[in-house]
Amino acid sequence: MSDTTASLHRKIVGAGDLQSVVRTMKAVAASSIGQYENSVRALADYYHTVELGLGVCLRESGSTPLIAERKRQTDAGAIGVVVFGSDQGLVGQFNDVVADYTIKTL
């Protein structure tokens, strides 16, 4: 009978420990949700800023022919280009490849 009582006691203590772990995980998840919501708001602000900047650039340049049409012109002048890269890790030489391709294409 004492083995059974000791076994039950260990199970009760283990369940209490498990409840503590679950409570901690819920708190961490709630904290993470707040961080993700802040990130989404910041990303929306960034998108709005980029959109305004591109709008100004395109409005200032006026209507320009497509690049394919400009290649036929010899004195076309300057070409404005917006090239997007990445600062994320694990993308290798992505920015270098994009820059090289852009230079070769133009």
C-alpha atoms as a PDB file:
ATOM      1  CA  MET A   1       0.000   0.000   0.000  1.00  0.00           C
ATOM      2  CA  SER A   2       2.871   2.396   0.759  1.00  0.00           C
ATOM      3  CA  ASP A   3       4.343   1.816  -2.732  1.00  0.00           C
ATOM      4  CA  THR A   4       1.010   2.787  -4.214  1.00  0.00           C
ATOM      5  CA  THR A   5       0.790   5.889  -2.037  1.00  0.00           C
ATOM      6  CA  ALA A   6       4.340   6.918  -2.949  1.00  0.00           C
ATOM      7  CA  SER A   7       3.629   6.269  -6.616  1.00  0.00           C
ATOM      8  CA  LEU A   8       0.474   8.389  -6.471  1.00  0.00           C
ATOM      9  CA  HIS A   9       2.386  11.137  -4.683  1.00  0.00           C
ATOM     10  CA  ARG A  10       5.043  11.177  -7.451  1.00  0.00           C
ATOM     11  CA  LYS A  11       2.322  11.353 -10.108  1.00  0.00           C
ATOM     12  CA  ILE A  12       0.634  14.260  -8.340  1.00  0.00           C
ATOM     13  CA  VAL A  13       3.947  16.117  -8.029  1.00  0.00           C
ATOM     14  CA  GLY A  14       4.675  15.387 -11.707  1.00  0.00           C
ATOM     15  CA  ALA A  15       1.257  16.711 -12.718  1.00  0.00           C
ATOM     16  CA  GLY A  16       1.921  19.881 -10.727  1.00  0.00           C
ATOM     17  CA  ASP A  17       5.252  20.311 -12.505  1.00  0.00           C
ATOM     18  CA  LEU A  18       3.551  19.750 -15.854  1.00  0.00           C
ATOM     19  CA  GLN A  19       0.914  22.350 -15.009  1.00  0.00           C
ATOM     20  CA  SER A  20       3.700  24.813 -14.211  1.00  0.00           C
ATOM     21  CA  VAL A  21       5.361  24.111 -17.572  1.00  0.00           C
ATOM     22  CA  VAL A  22       2.068  24.576 -19.436  1.00  0.00           C
ATOM     23  CA  ARG A  23       1.405  27.850 -17.618  1.00  0.00           C
ATOM     24  CA  THR A  24       4.886  29.088 -18.562  1.00  0.00           C
ATOM     25  CA  MET A  25       4.405  28.081 -22.203  1.00  0.00           C
ATOM     26  CA  LYS A  26       1.093  29.951 -22.332  1.00  0.00           C
ATOM     27  CA  ALA A  27       2.776  33.077 -20.950  1.00  0.00           C
ATOM     28  CA  VAL A  28       5.559  32.846 -23.543  1.00  0.00           C
ATOM     29  CA  ALA A  29       3.006  32.373 -26.336  1.00  0.00           C
ATOM     30  CA  ALA A  30       1.019  35.401 -25.161  1.00  0.00           C
ATOM     31  CA  SER A  31       4.196  37.468 -25.099  1.00  0.00           C
ATOM     32  CA  SER A  32       5.143  36.312 -28.601  1.00  0.00           C
ATOM     33  CA  ILE A  33       1.732  37.250 -29.977  1.00  0.00           C
ATOM     34  CA  GLY A  34       2.270  40.815 -28.791  1.00  0.00           C
ATOM     35  CA  GLN A  35       5.658  40.924 -30.505  1.00  0.00           C
ATOM     36  CA  TYR A  36       4.181  39.586 -33.755  1.00  0.00           C
ATOM     37  CA  GLU A  37       1.383  42.143 -33.662  1.00  0.00           C
ATOM     38  CA  ASN A  38       3.961  44.911 -33.207  1.00  0.00           C
ATOM     39  CA  SER A  39       5.945  43.527 -36.140  1.00  0.00           C
ATOM     40  CA  VAL A  40       2.866  43.542 -38.362  1.00  0.00           C
ATOM     41  CA  ARG A  41       2.160  47.176 -37.473  1.00  0.00           C
ATOM     42  CA  ALA A  42       5.783  48.125 -38.161  1.00  0.00           C
ATOM     43  CA  LEU A  43       5.685  46.301 -41.483  1.00  0.00           C
ATOM     44  CA  ALA A  44       2.539  48.181 -42.468  1.00  0.00           C
ATOM     45  CA  ASP A  45       4.301  51.475 -41.679  1.00  0.00           C
ATOM     46  CA  TYR A  46       7.325  50.371 -43.730  1.00  0.00           C
ATOM     47  CA  TYR A  47       5.095  49.394 -46.667  1.00  0.00           C
ATOM     48  CA  HIS A  48       3.380  52.773 -46.542  1.00  0.00           C
ATOM     49  CA  THR A  49       6.740  54.587 -46.493  1.00  0.00           C
ATOM     50  CA  VAL A  50       8.084  52.605 -49.460  1.00  0.00           C
ATOM     51  CA  GLU A  51       4.848  53.149 -51.352  1.00  0.00           C
ATOM     52  CA  LEU A  52       5.042  56.917 -50.810  1.00  0.00           C
ATOM     53  CA  GLY A  53       8.711  57.003 -51.843  1.00  0.00           C
ATOM     54  CA  LEU A  54       8.115  55.046 -55.027  1.00  0.00           C
ATOM     55  CA  GLY A  55       5.114  57.228 -55.806  1.00  0.00           C
ATOM     56  CA  VAL A  56       7.262  60.355 -55.568  1.00  0.00           C
ATOM     57  CA  CYS A  57      10.031  58.831 -57.700  1.00  0.00           C
ATOM     58  CA  LEU A  58       7.653  57.706 -60.405  1.00  0.00           C
ATOM     59  CA  ARG A  59       5.702  60.958 -60.362  1.00  0.00           C
ATOM     60  CA  GLU A  60       8.918  63.002 -60.687  1.00  0.00           C
ATOM     61  CA  SER A  61      10.142  60.967 -63.658  1.00  0.00           C
ATOM     62  CA  GLY A  62       6.888  61.346 -65.572  1.00  0.00           C
ATOM     63  CA  SER A  63       5.805  58.751 -68.060  1.00  0.00           C
ATOM     64  CA  THR A  64       8.756  56.962 -69.595  1.00  0.00           C
ATOM     65  CA  PRO A  65       8.780  54.307 -72.294  1.00  0.00           C
ATOM     66  CA  LEU A  66       9.469  50.704 -71.417  1.00  0.00           C
ATOM     67  CA  ILE A  67      13.079  49.563 -71.140  1.00  0.00           C
ATOM     68  CA  ALA A  68      12.714  47.390 -74.247  1.00  0.00           C
ATOM     69  CA  GLU A  69      11.777  50.474 -76.255  1.00  0.00           C
ATOM     70  CA  ARG A  70      14.599  52.517 -74.728  1.00  0.00           C
ATOM     71  CA  LYS A  71      17.248  50.015 -75.820  1.00  0.00           C
ATOM     72  CA  ARG A  72      16.637  51.026 -79.428  1.00  0.00           C
ATOM     73  CA  GLN A  73      17.341  54.670 -78.645  1.00  0.00           C
ATOM     74  CA  THR A  74      20.989  55.696 -78.582  1.00  0.00           C
ATOM     75  CA  ASP A  75      20.618  58.976 -76.684  1.00  0.00           C
ATOM     76  CA  ALA A  76      17.889  57.934 -74.269  1.00  0.00           C
ATOM     77  CA  GLY A  77      19.503  59.543 -71.218  1.00  0.00           C
ATOM     78  CA  ALA A  78      19.470  58.190 -67.705  1.00  0.00           C
ATOM     79  CA  ILE A  79      17.340  55.245 -66.665  1.00  0.00           C
ATOM     80  CA  GLY A  80      15.952  55.022 -63.154  1.00  0.00           C
ATOM     81  CA  VAL A  81      15.996  51.559 -61.630  1.00  0.00           C
ATOM     82  CA  VAL A  82      14.745  50.228 -58.320  1.00  0.00           C
ATOM     83  CA  VAL A  83      16.379  46.941 -57.359  1.00  0.00           C
ATOM     84  CA  PHE A  84      15.338  45.010 -54.277  1.00  0.00           C
ATOM     85  CA  GLY A  85      17.754  42.780 -52.417  1.00  0.00           C
ATOM     86  CA  SER A  86      17.560  40.978 -49.122  1.00  0.00           C
ATOM     87  CA  ASP A  87      19.302  41.235 -45.790  1.00  0.00           C
ATOM     88  CA  GLN A  88      17.953  37.883 -44.619  1.00  0.00           C
ATOM     89  CA  GLY A  89      20.438  35.229 -43.659  1.00  0.00           C
ATOM     90  CA  LEU A  90      20.979  31.992 -45.551  1.00  0.00           C
ATOM     91  CA  VAL A  91      20.397  33.466 -49.015  1.00  0.00           C
ATOM     92  CA  GLY A  92      24.000  33.103 -50.102  1.00  0.00           C
ATOM     93  CA  GLN A  93      25.156  35.601 -52.684  1.00  0.00           C
ATOM     94  CA  PHE A  94      21.621  36.642 -53.596  1.00  0.00           C
ATOM     95  CA  ASN A  95      22.336  40.383 -53.554  1.00  0.00           C
ATOM     96  CA  ASP A  96      25.467  39.939 -55.684  1.00  0.00           C
ATOM     97  CA  VAL A  97      23.587  37.848 -58.251  1.00  0.00           C
ATOM     98  CA  VAL A  98      20.754  40.384 -58.420  1.00  0.00           C
ATOM     99  CA  ALA A  99      23.210  43.274 -58.816  1.00  0.00           C
ATOM    100  CA  ASP A 100      25.184  41.471 -61.549  1.00  0.00           C
ATOM    101  CA  TYR A 101      22.000  40.593 -63.432  1.00  0.00           C
ATOM    102  CA  THR A 102      20.775  44.182 -63.200  1.00  0.00           C
ATOM    103  CA  ILE A 103      24.033  45.585 -64.529  1.00  0.00           C
ATOM    104  CA  LYS A 104      24.114  43.090 -67.411  1.00  0.00           C
ATOM    105  CA  THR A 105      20.476  43.741 -68.292  1.00  0.00           C
ATOM    106  CA  LEU A 106      20.815  47.506 -68.354  1.00  0.00           C
END
